[in-house]
Amino acid sequence: MLYTKKMKTFFTILLSIFLTYLISVPSPVIAWGEEGHETVGQIAQNFLQPDIARKVANLFQDKSFGGKLPLATLWADDVKKKKGSPFAFWSAPLHFIDTLDDPGKSCSVNMERDCPDARCIVGAIANYTTQLDCTNGYDKFTRDFALRFLAHFIGDITQPLHVSGREKGGNGETVTFDGRRGNLHSIWDTQMVEKRLRDFGSDIVQYSNFLTKEIQSGKYASEKDSWVSCISSPKAATLCPLTWAIDTNAINCPFVWSVDKKPGVDLGGDYYQAAVPIIDKQIAKGGYRLGVLLNSILSKNC
């Protein structure tokens, strides 16, 4: 099991100790990957049922979120690296899973090998899904922070290099994008998303609405149910994050690590053009999964 009573006690005590500090944490600053996360949050917001949207707004104690998901998706990155944050010393490893990616041979996810202690994004989503569910007895403050983490991690788990152990998730892979040197992870997190957003006037709402329509009645309509099929399972808390991690990791061998074939080539050209459909689909998956999961969990009356 990924979740234990001991973990429940640990997280509840931790949140109680630092509650006063956490509520005083200022609004998130601009961070790498914020555009992608806000888009995921906006898509999810678009799919929330009206009563669930009200429950989300009521759970958030940080008023800077405006009672909605987009800005809340940035919180986990902010506290991860904020000096003095009680989350900094342990939450960073929860944003990814170091899988064994060996292009040309295989890319795969194996919990016993890659995350035996459940301290990775798969285990984190499982734990916070459990904590958000009001039938499990957690207080409102614990559920608030569980919601904040889920809003971020369900976006992270759709980014291929958050489900890759090679070169520290691409952070150690130096590449060029549109004439600028950087690392492969940041290219996927930020530069390619920013470039894609320029097709929508750099407007996150326009991009989110475009992807929402593609999910509702466009090119993703026929497959969207498969993206969230695990949510209906009694074991959704543990089944979904592992299923989603495997789905994302499958992109790494055939595409993400194709940079090996043409070392030194500027990724702002053909590589970017081929990545756009993947970026669109992965962000759409994250937003739709988050929205449907919240509709499912928060529909319970406790």
Protein backbone atom coordinates (compact mmCIF):
# COMPACT_ATOMS: atom_id res chain seq x y z
CA MET A 1 0.00 0.00 0.00
CA LEU A 2 1.22 3.52 -0.82
CA TYR A 3 -0.74 5.10 2.01
CA THR A 4 -0.54 4.19 5.69
CA LYS A 5 -1.97 5.45 8.98
CA LYS A 6 1.55 6.49 9.93
CA MET A 7 1.68 8.78 6.87
CA LYS A 8 -1.72 10.21 7.83
CA THR A 9 -0.45 11.09 11.30
CA PHE A 10 2.77 12.59 9.90
CA PHE A 11 1.05 14.90 7.43
CA THR A 12 -1.67 15.93 9.86
CA ILE A 13 0.84 16.84 12.58
CA LEU A 14 3.09 18.67 10.11
CA LEU A 15 0.26 20.78 8.78
CA SER A 16 -1.01 21.59 12.26
CA ILE A 17 2.42 22.75 13.45
CA PHE A 18 2.97 25.07 10.52
CA LEU A 19 -0.60 26.19 9.87
CA THR A 20 -0.08 29.80 10.95
CA TYR A 21 3.07 30.10 8.84
CA LEU A 22 1.51 28.55 5.76
CA ILE A 23 -1.51 30.81 5.69
CA SER A 24 0.86 33.80 5.77
CA VAL A 25 2.90 32.60 2.78
CA PRO A 26 2.63 35.27 0.07
CA SER A 27 1.23 34.72 -3.39
CA PRO A 28 3.35 32.57 -5.71
CA VAL A 29 6.08 34.33 -7.66
CA ILE A 30 6.68 33.67 -11.33
CA ALA A 31 8.35 30.29 -11.60
CA TRP A 32 9.47 27.93 -14.35
CA GLY A 33 6.55 26.09 -15.83
CA GLU A 34 3.85 28.39 -14.50
CA GLU A 35 2.14 28.78 -17.89
CA GLY A 36 1.65 25.04 -18.30
CA HIS A 37 0.37 24.61 -14.75
CA GLU A 38 -2.04 27.54 -14.98
CA THR A 39 -3.39 26.11 -18.23
CA VAL A 40 -3.96 22.75 -16.55
CA GLY A 41 -5.74 24.53 -13.71
CA GLN A 42 -7.94 26.57 -16.05
CA ILE A 43 -8.96 23.51 -18.07
CA ALA A 44 -9.84 21.70 -14.83
CA GLN A 45 -11.83 24.73 -13.68
CA ASN A 46 -13.75 24.62 -16.96
CA PHE A 47 -14.82 21.05 -16.21
CA LEU A 48 -15.81 21.50 -12.56
CA GLN A 49 -19.47 21.05 -11.81
CA PRO A 50 -20.93 24.24 -10.25
CA ASP A 51 -21.33 22.72 -6.78
CA ILE A 52 -17.79 21.28 -6.92
CA ALA A 53 -16.39 24.68 -7.95
CA ARG A 54 -18.02 26.13 -4.84
CA LYS A 55 -16.47 23.41 -2.67
CA VAL A 56 -13.04 24.10 -4.17
CA ALA A 57 -13.41 27.81 -3.44
CA ASN A 58 -14.50 27.04 0.12
CA LEU A 59 -11.50 24.75 0.75
CA PHE A 60 -8.87 27.28 -0.29
CA GLN A 61 -7.83 29.43 2.67
CA ASP A 62 -5.39 31.49 0.60
CA LYS A 63 -7.56 34.24 -0.87
CA SER A 64 -4.94 35.12 -3.48
CA PHE A 65 -6.11 32.07 -5.46
CA GLY A 66 -9.43 33.79 -6.06
CA GLY A 67 -11.18 30.56 -5.08
CA LYS A 68 -10.07 28.91 -8.32
CA LEU A 69 -7.52 26.38 -9.51
CA PRO A 70 -5.18 28.22 -11.95
CA LEU A 71 -3.14 30.20 -9.40
CA ALA A 72 -3.39 27.39 -6.85
CA THR A 73 -1.46 25.14 -9.26
CA LEU A 74 1.65 27.28 -8.69
CA TRP A 75 1.71 26.97 -4.91
CA ALA A 76 3.56 23.62 -4.67
CA ASP A 77 6.48 24.91 -6.74
CA ASP A 78 6.64 28.10 -4.70
CA VAL A 79 6.86 26.43 -1.28
CA LYS A 80 9.20 23.73 -2.61
CA LYS A 81 12.00 26.25 -3.02
CA LYS A 82 10.99 29.03 -0.62
CA LYS A 83 13.68 29.58 2.03
CA GLY A 84 12.31 28.64 5.41
CA SER A 85 9.28 26.83 4.00
CA PRO A 86 8.34 23.76 6.05
CA PHE A 87 7.68 21.96 2.77
CA ALA A 88 11.09 22.61 1.21
CA PHE A 89 13.01 19.82 2.91
CA TRP A 90 10.71 16.98 1.89
CA SER A 91 8.31 18.01 -0.88
CA ALA A 92 10.82 18.43 -3.74
CA PRO A 93 11.09 14.67 -4.51
CA LEU A 94 7.30 14.46 -4.74
CA HIS A 95 7.28 16.36 -8.05
CA PHE A 96 8.78 13.53 -10.10
CA ILE A 97 9.65 9.85 -10.34
CA ASP A 98 13.07 8.69 -11.52
CA THR A 99 12.23 5.94 -13.99
CA LEU A 100 14.68 3.82 -15.97
CA ASP A 101 14.75 5.35 -19.45
CA ASP A 102 17.10 3.62 -21.86
CA PRO A 103 16.17 4.77 -25.37
CA GLY A 104 16.75 2.10 -27.96
CA LYS A 105 15.93 -0.53 -25.36
CA SER A 106 13.07 0.48 -23.10
CA CYS A 107 11.41 3.16 -21.00
CA SER A 108 9.31 1.92 -18.11
CA VAL A 109 7.82 2.63 -14.70
CA ASN A 110 8.29 0.15 -11.88
CA MET A 111 7.34 1.25 -8.38
CA GLU A 112 9.49 -1.32 -6.58
CA ARG A 113 12.51 -0.18 -8.57
CA ASP A 114 11.79 3.54 -9.06
CA CYS A 115 9.89 4.55 -5.92
CA PRO A 116 9.99 1.83 -3.26
CA ASP A 117 9.20 4.23 -0.39
CA ALA A 118 6.38 5.98 -2.31
CA ARG A 119 8.21 9.32 -1.94
CA CYS A 120 7.68 10.36 -5.54
CA ILE A 121 4.91 11.87 -7.62
CA VAL A 122 3.01 8.58 -7.89
CA GLY A 123 2.94 8.12 -4.13
CA ALA A 124 2.19 11.80 -3.55
CA ILE A 125 -0.90 11.82 -5.77
CA ALA A 126 -2.10 8.65 -4.05
CA ASN A 127 -1.64 10.15 -0.59
CA TYR A 128 -3.19 13.53 -1.34
CA THR A 129 -6.14 11.95 -3.15
CA THR A 130 -6.79 10.04 0.07
CA GLN A 131 -6.40 13.16 2.21
CA LEU A 132 -8.76 15.24 0.08
CA ASP A 133 -11.56 12.67 0.37
CA CYS A 134 -13.74 13.88 3.25
CA THR A 135 -14.83 10.33 4.09
CA ASN A 136 -11.32 9.66 5.42
CA GLY A 137 -11.74 12.06 8.30
CA TYR A 138 -9.18 14.78 7.59
CA ASP A 139 -9.82 18.34 8.71
CA LYS A 140 -10.42 21.23 6.34
CA PHE A 141 -6.89 22.58 6.55
CA THR A 142 -5.32 19.24 5.66
CA ARG A 143 -7.74 18.88 2.76
CA ASP A 144 -6.91 22.41 1.57
CA PHE A 145 -3.22 21.59 1.22
CA ALA A 146 -4.00 18.20 -0.32
CA LEU A 147 -6.00 20.04 -2.98
CA ARG A 148 -3.12 22.46 -3.64
CA PHE A 149 -0.66 19.61 -4.09
CA LEU A 150 -3.00 17.63 -6.34
CA ALA A 151 -3.63 20.69 -8.51
CA HIS A 152 0.10 20.86 -9.17
CA PHE A 153 1.14 17.21 -9.24
CA ILE A 154 -1.54 16.12 -11.72
CA GLY A 155 0.04 18.65 -14.08
CA ASP A 156 3.56 17.46 -13.30
CA ILE A 157 2.77 13.83 -13.99
CA THR A 158 1.82 14.64 -17.59
CA GLN A 159 5.19 16.29 -18.32
CA PRO A 160 7.42 13.53 -19.75
CA LEU A 161 10.60 14.60 -17.98
CA HIS A 162 8.90 14.49 -14.59
CA VAL A 163 8.56 10.76 -15.27
CA SER A 164 12.14 10.11 -16.31
CA GLY A 165 15.31 9.36 -14.37
CA ARG A 166 17.73 9.90 -17.22
CA GLU A 167 20.09 12.89 -16.85
CA LYS A 168 18.16 14.01 -13.74
CA GLY A 169 14.93 14.26 -15.69
CA GLY A 170 16.66 16.09 -18.52
CA ASN A 171 18.16 18.75 -16.23
CA GLY A 172 21.61 17.42 -17.06
CA GLU A 173 21.00 17.36 -20.83
CA THR A 174 22.28 20.61 -22.40
CA VAL A 175 20.41 21.63 -25.54
CA THR A 176 19.76 24.65 -27.75
CA PHE A 177 16.29 26.08 -28.30
CA ASP A 178 15.73 29.00 -30.66
CA GLY A 179 19.40 29.93 -30.39
CA ARG A 180 19.59 29.83 -26.59
CA ARG A 181 21.37 27.22 -24.51
CA GLY A 182 19.46 25.49 -21.75
CA ASN A 183 18.57 22.07 -20.46
CA LEU A 184 16.04 19.65 -21.88
CA HIS A 185 13.84 19.72 -18.78
CA SER A 186 13.39 23.50 -18.86
CA ILE A 187 12.73 23.38 -22.60
CA TRP A 188 9.78 21.07 -21.96
CA ASP A 189 8.66 22.87 -18.82
CA THR A 190 8.75 26.39 -20.15
CA GLN A 191 10.23 27.43 -23.48
CA MET A 192 8.14 25.17 -25.69
CA VAL A 193 4.96 25.99 -23.77
CA GLU A 194 5.65 29.72 -24.02
CA LYS A 195 6.26 29.40 -27.75
CA ARG A 196 3.04 27.44 -28.19
CA LEU A 197 1.15 30.06 -26.20
CA ARG A 198 2.21 32.73 -28.68
CA ASP A 199 -0.15 31.05 -31.14
CA PHE A 200 -2.90 32.21 -28.76
CA GLY A 201 -1.58 35.71 -28.13
CA SER A 202 0.23 34.43 -25.00
CA ASP A 203 -3.22 34.24 -23.40
CA ILE A 204 -3.59 31.27 -21.05
CA VAL A 205 -7.40 31.52 -21.05
CA GLN A 206 -7.55 31.35 -24.85
CA TYR A 207 -5.22 28.35 -24.92
CA SER A 208 -7.19 26.66 -22.13
CA ASN A 209 -10.48 27.24 -23.90
CA PHE A 210 -9.03 25.86 -27.15
CA LEU A 211 -7.95 22.66 -25.41
CA THR A 212 -11.25 22.46 -23.52
CA LYS A 213 -13.16 22.48 -26.80
CA GLU A 214 -10.85 19.84 -28.23
CA ILE A 215 -11.68 17.65 -25.23
CA GLN A 216 -15.41 18.31 -25.39
CA SER A 217 -16.04 17.93 -29.10
CA GLY A 218 -12.76 18.04 -31.00
CA LYS A 219 -9.88 15.67 -31.64
CA TYR A 220 -9.71 14.41 -28.06
CA ALA A 221 -13.43 13.75 -27.62
CA SER A 222 -13.23 10.08 -28.61
CA GLU A 223 -10.39 9.30 -26.20
CA LYS A 224 -11.03 11.54 -23.20
CA ASP A 225 -12.90 8.79 -21.32
CA SER A 226 -9.81 6.58 -21.46
CA TRP A 227 -7.77 9.35 -19.82
CA VAL A 228 -9.91 9.14 -16.68
CA SER A 229 -11.21 5.56 -16.71
CA CYS A 230 -9.22 4.69 -13.56
CA ILE A 231 -11.12 7.30 -11.53
CA SER A 232 -14.20 5.07 -11.38
CA SER A 233 -12.19 2.26 -9.76
CA PRO A 234 -12.50 1.62 -6.00
CA LYS A 235 -8.70 1.73 -6.03
CA ALA A 236 -8.51 5.04 -7.90
CA ALA A 237 -6.17 6.69 -5.38
CA THR A 238 -3.38 4.21 -6.12
CA LEU A 239 -4.36 3.04 -9.60
CA CYS A 240 -4.65 6.44 -11.28
CA PRO A 241 -1.22 7.95 -10.56
CA LEU A 242 0.59 4.79 -11.62
CA THR A 243 -1.53 4.52 -14.77
CA TRP A 244 -0.85 8.16 -15.60
CA ALA A 245 2.88 7.82 -14.95
CA ILE A 246 3.12 4.84 -17.30
CA ASP A 247 1.15 6.73 -19.94
CA THR A 248 3.48 9.75 -19.75
CA ASN A 249 6.70 7.76 -19.59
CA ALA A 250 5.77 6.04 -22.85
CA ILE A 251 6.53 9.34 -24.64
CA ASN A 252 10.17 9.37 -23.58
CA CYS A 253 11.73 6.59 -25.65
CA PRO A 254 10.13 7.29 -29.04
CA PHE A 255 10.21 11.08 -28.87
CA VAL A 256 11.68 13.03 -25.94
CA TRP A 257 15.07 11.32 -26.08
CA SER A 258 15.20 11.44 -29.87
CA VAL A 259 17.55 14.37 -29.18
CA ASP A 260 20.24 11.66 -29.09
CA LYS A 261 19.92 11.18 -32.85
CA LYS A 262 20.88 14.74 -33.77
CA PRO A 263 23.08 16.16 -30.99
CA GLY A 264 23.58 19.90 -31.19
CA VAL A 265 20.56 20.54 -33.40
CA ASP A 266 18.46 23.54 -32.40
CA LEU A 267 15.26 22.10 -30.90
CA GLY A 268 13.25 25.17 -31.84
CA GLY A 269 12.70 23.82 -35.35
CA ASP A 270 11.53 20.33 -36.32
CA TYR A 271 11.69 18.99 -32.78
CA TYR A 272 9.40 21.75 -31.50
CA GLN A 273 6.94 21.31 -34.36
CA ALA A 274 6.69 17.59 -33.64
CA ALA A 275 6.36 18.30 -29.90
CA VAL A 276 3.39 20.69 -30.21
CA PRO A 277 0.73 17.96 -30.53
CA ILE A 278 2.28 16.17 -27.55
CA ILE A 279 2.35 19.34 -25.44
CA ASP A 280 -1.28 20.12 -26.29
CA LYS A 281 -2.44 16.61 -25.49
CA GLN A 282 -0.49 16.24 -22.26
CA ILE A 283 -1.72 19.57 -20.89
CA ALA A 284 -5.25 18.66 -21.94
CA LYS A 285 -4.93 15.33 -20.13
CA GLY A 286 -3.72 17.02 -16.96
CA GLY A 287 -6.56 19.52 -16.91
CA TYR A 288 -9.29 17.02 -17.72
CA ARG A 289 -8.00 14.47 -15.20
CA LEU A 290 -7.82 17.09 -12.46
CA GLY A 291 -11.33 18.32 -13.17
CA VAL A 292 -12.89 14.86 -13.31
CA LEU A 293 -11.00 13.66 -10.22
CA LEU A 294 -12.18 16.66 -8.19
CA ASN A 295 -15.75 16.18 -9.40
CA SER A 296 -15.54 12.59 -8.19
CA ILE A 297 -13.87 13.16 -4.81
CA LEU A 298 -15.74 16.30 -3.80
CA SER A 299 -19.16 15.00 -4.79
CA LYS A 300 -19.23 13.03 -1.52
CA ASN A 301 -21.27 14.44 1.32
CA CYS A 302 -19.55 14.21 4.70
